[in-house]
Amino acid sequence: MNKFLVSAITAMSFVLAQPASAAVTTNLNLNFESGAVFNGTLTFSDNYDTLLDVSGLLTGGGYGSANINWAWWLGTGQNATARDVDGITNTYEDWLMDGTEPSWNNFIGISWFWPVAGDLQLNLAPAATVYHAGINNLDAITSYSANGNNVPEPASLALMGLGLAGLAALRRRKYV
């Protein structure tokens, strides 16, 4: 076998041996008792146990217009994985912030369930029973809608691209 063919086979087997991993991007709309609304995007790890990123806008309810672009556990450098503060089985919690520590004005506490059939399920229990709840732990979530998509991680896409490039080169060489 020539060196190129060995390289192409090695690259393909490496790509195929990688575990499938994807981030879950969820479009989220939250409504609060005060009339405030949050519209944004949350990105979770593929098993929903880590909030990787947040971006969105909090408007109304006396909060003005606040860009929410920071998640507490990751932003403070703490371990963000499997943080269960409220003690409710199979839930995770984090704060969505409008600034970095310690200069935030507003934060939205969310608690989410381990997903069923791949959908994000927020815990809408009252603030008294959930450690992270509503805006600034006072303004409770009254309703929400969420829909998500699995997005391959950049490393997975790069490996797939490498494997496809190897196949294309092999195919070109075969017909020359």
Protein backbone atom coordinates (compact mmCIF):
# COMPACT_ATOMS: atom_id res chain seq x y z
CA MET A 1 0.00 0.00 0.00
CA ASN A 2 1.27 3.42 -0.74
CA LYS A 3 1.73 6.00 2.00
CA PHE A 4 -1.17 8.17 0.86
CA LEU A 5 -3.66 5.32 1.05
CA VAL A 6 -2.44 4.37 4.53
CA SER A 7 -2.80 8.01 5.64
CA ALA A 8 -6.31 8.25 4.24
CA ILE A 9 -7.41 5.01 5.91
CA THR A 10 -5.86 6.11 9.21
CA ALA A 11 -7.63 9.48 9.04
CA MET A 12 -10.98 7.83 8.26
CA SER A 13 -10.67 5.28 11.06
CA PHE A 14 -9.77 8.10 13.49
CA VAL A 15 -12.86 10.06 12.43
CA LEU A 16 -15.10 7.04 12.71
CA ALA A 17 -13.72 6.13 16.15
CA GLN A 18 -14.60 9.53 17.66
CA PRO A 19 -17.65 9.57 19.94
CA ALA A 20 -20.54 11.62 18.63
CA SER A 21 -20.76 14.82 20.62
CA ALA A 22 -22.87 17.87 20.05
CA ALA A 23 -23.84 21.02 21.83
CA VAL A 24 -27.56 21.68 22.20
CA THR A 25 -28.59 25.20 21.23
CA THR A 26 -32.00 26.19 22.59
CA ASN A 27 -34.04 29.25 21.69
CA LEU A 28 -35.71 30.32 24.94
CA ASN A 29 -38.58 32.69 25.68
CA LEU A 30 -39.36 33.33 29.37
CA ASN A 31 -42.29 35.33 30.74
CA PHE A 32 -42.26 36.66 34.31
CA GLU A 33 -44.87 37.80 36.86
CA SER A 34 -43.87 41.47 36.43
CA GLY A 35 -44.47 41.34 32.66
CA ALA A 36 -40.76 41.14 31.87
CA VAL A 37 -39.70 38.92 28.97
CA PHE A 38 -36.42 37.21 28.17
CA ASN A 39 -35.76 36.15 24.58
CA GLY A 40 -32.46 34.46 23.96
CA THR A 41 -30.36 31.44 23.17
CA LEU A 42 -28.86 28.97 25.62
CA THR A 43 -26.19 26.45 24.62
CA PHE A 44 -25.87 23.30 26.70
CA SER A 45 -23.53 20.32 26.59
CA ASP A 46 -24.98 17.35 24.72
CA ASN A 47 -26.28 15.77 27.92
CA TYR A 48 -27.70 19.07 29.28
CA ASP A 49 -25.59 18.99 32.45
CA THR A 50 -23.58 22.12 31.60
CA LEU A 51 -24.73 25.53 30.42
CA LEU A 52 -22.00 26.54 27.95
CA ASP A 53 -23.25 29.93 26.73
CA VAL A 54 -26.13 32.41 26.92
CA SER A 55 -27.13 35.41 24.82
CA GLY A 56 -30.39 37.31 24.84
CA LEU A 57 -32.38 40.35 25.89
CA LEU A 58 -34.39 40.95 29.07
CA THR A 59 -37.03 43.65 28.56
CA GLY A 60 -40.00 45.14 30.42
CA GLY A 61 -41.18 44.71 34.00
CA GLY A 62 -39.15 47.70 35.19
CA TYR A 63 -35.81 46.13 34.19
CA GLY A 64 -35.24 48.34 31.15
CA SER A 65 -33.44 46.53 28.37
CA ALA A 66 -30.61 44.30 29.60
CA ASN A 67 -28.31 42.14 27.50
CA ILE A 68 -27.98 38.75 29.17
CA ASN A 69 -24.67 37.31 28.01
CA TRP A 70 -22.98 35.61 30.93
CA ALA A 71 -23.58 32.38 32.88
CA TRP A 72 -22.52 32.26 36.55
CA TRP A 73 -20.78 28.90 36.94
CA LEU A 74 -18.63 29.21 33.83
CA GLY A 75 -18.07 32.93 34.29
CA THR A 76 -16.64 32.53 37.78
CA GLY A 77 -14.38 29.69 36.71
CA GLN A 78 -16.20 27.14 38.87
CA ASN A 79 -17.07 23.64 37.77
CA ALA A 80 -20.25 24.06 35.72
CA THR A 81 -20.98 20.37 35.26
CA ALA A 82 -23.89 18.72 37.07
CA ARG A 83 -24.50 21.59 39.50
CA ASP A 84 -27.61 20.61 41.49
CA VAL A 85 -28.19 23.19 44.19
CA ASP A 86 -31.93 22.82 44.84
CA GLY A 87 -31.79 19.11 45.72
CA ILE A 88 -34.52 18.19 43.22
CA THR A 89 -33.49 14.96 41.49
CA ASN A 90 -32.24 15.25 37.89
CA THR A 91 -32.25 19.05 37.79
CA TYR A 92 -29.43 21.48 37.22
CA GLU A 93 -29.22 25.18 38.05
CA ASP A 94 -27.41 28.30 36.88
CA TRP A 95 -27.80 32.07 36.73
CA LEU A 96 -28.04 34.00 33.47
CA MET A 97 -26.33 37.36 34.11
CA ASP A 98 -26.24 40.80 32.49
CA GLY A 99 -22.61 41.45 33.39
CA THR A 100 -19.58 39.89 34.96
CA GLU A 101 -18.90 39.33 38.64
CA PRO A 102 -19.49 41.50 40.67
CA SER A 103 -20.99 44.18 38.40
CA TRP A 104 -24.34 42.67 37.35
CA ASN A 105 -27.68 44.43 37.76
CA ASN A 106 -30.02 41.57 36.96
CA PHE A 107 -29.78 37.82 36.89
CA ILE A 108 -32.24 35.15 35.83
CA GLY A 109 -32.14 31.96 37.85
CA ILE A 110 -33.11 28.86 35.95
CA SER A 111 -33.44 25.25 36.95
CA TRP A 112 -33.81 22.66 34.23
CA PHE A 113 -34.79 19.01 34.15
CA TRP A 114 -32.84 16.27 32.47
CA PRO A 115 -34.51 16.37 29.05
CA VAL A 116 -37.12 13.91 27.91
CA ALA A 117 -36.97 13.20 24.18
CA GLY A 118 -34.26 15.84 23.78
CA ASP A 119 -36.30 18.88 24.85
CA LEU A 120 -35.26 21.37 27.51
CA GLN A 121 -37.69 21.34 30.45
CA LEU A 122 -37.42 24.21 32.90
CA ASN A 123 -38.41 23.75 36.51
CA LEU A 124 -41.20 26.28 37.07
CA ALA A 125 -41.67 25.63 40.79
CA PRO A 126 -42.11 28.76 42.96
CA ALA A 127 -38.99 30.65 44.08
CA ALA A 128 -39.36 29.33 47.62
CA THR A 129 -38.79 25.73 46.52
CA VAL A 130 -36.09 26.20 43.88
CA TYR A 131 -32.71 27.68 44.68
CA HIS A 132 -32.47 29.53 41.36
CA ALA A 133 -35.81 30.99 40.32
CA GLY A 134 -36.95 33.95 38.22
CA ILE A 135 -35.30 37.37 38.02
CA ASN A 136 -33.15 38.29 41.03
CA ASN A 137 -34.80 35.41 42.96
CA LEU A 138 -38.02 37.47 43.20
CA ASP A 139 -39.82 37.72 39.86
CA ALA A 140 -41.06 34.20 39.11
CA ILE A 141 -41.23 32.61 35.67
CA THR A 142 -44.88 32.25 34.68
CA SER A 143 -44.42 30.55 31.30
CA TYR A 144 -41.78 29.61 28.78
CA SER A 145 -41.20 28.13 25.37
CA ALA A 146 -38.01 26.41 24.24
CA ASN A 147 -36.88 24.60 21.14
CA GLY A 148 -33.42 23.21 20.54
CA ASN A 149 -31.04 21.84 17.95
CA ASN A 150 -28.03 19.57 18.28
CA VAL A 151 -24.98 21.26 16.77
CA PRO A 152 -21.77 19.26 16.15
CA GLU A 153 -18.75 20.56 18.04
CA PRO A 154 -16.06 22.27 15.90
CA ALA A 155 -13.53 19.49 16.57
CA SER A 156 -15.98 16.88 15.27
CA LEU A 157 -16.60 18.95 12.13
CA ALA A 158 -12.86 19.34 11.56
CA LEU A 159 -12.29 15.60 11.85
CA MET A 160 -15.14 14.84 9.48
CA GLY A 161 -13.70 17.37 7.02
CA LEU A 162 -10.27 15.73 7.24
CA GLY A 163 -11.77 12.34 6.52
CA LEU A 164 -13.78 13.67 3.55
CA ALA A 165 -10.70 15.44 2.18
CA GLY A 166 -8.79 12.16 2.39
CA LEU A 167 -11.54 10.33 0.52
CA ALA A 168 -11.72 13.03 -2.16
CA ALA A 169 -7.95 12.90 -2.66
CA LEU A 170 -8.05 9.12 -2.85
CA ARG A 171 -10.85 9.23 -5.40
CA ARG A 172 -9.00 11.82 -7.54
CA ARG A 173 -5.85 9.71 -7.46
CA LYS A 174 -7.81 6.62 -8.50
CA TYR A 175 -9.15 8.27 -11.66
CA VAL A 176 -5.89 9.95 -12.74
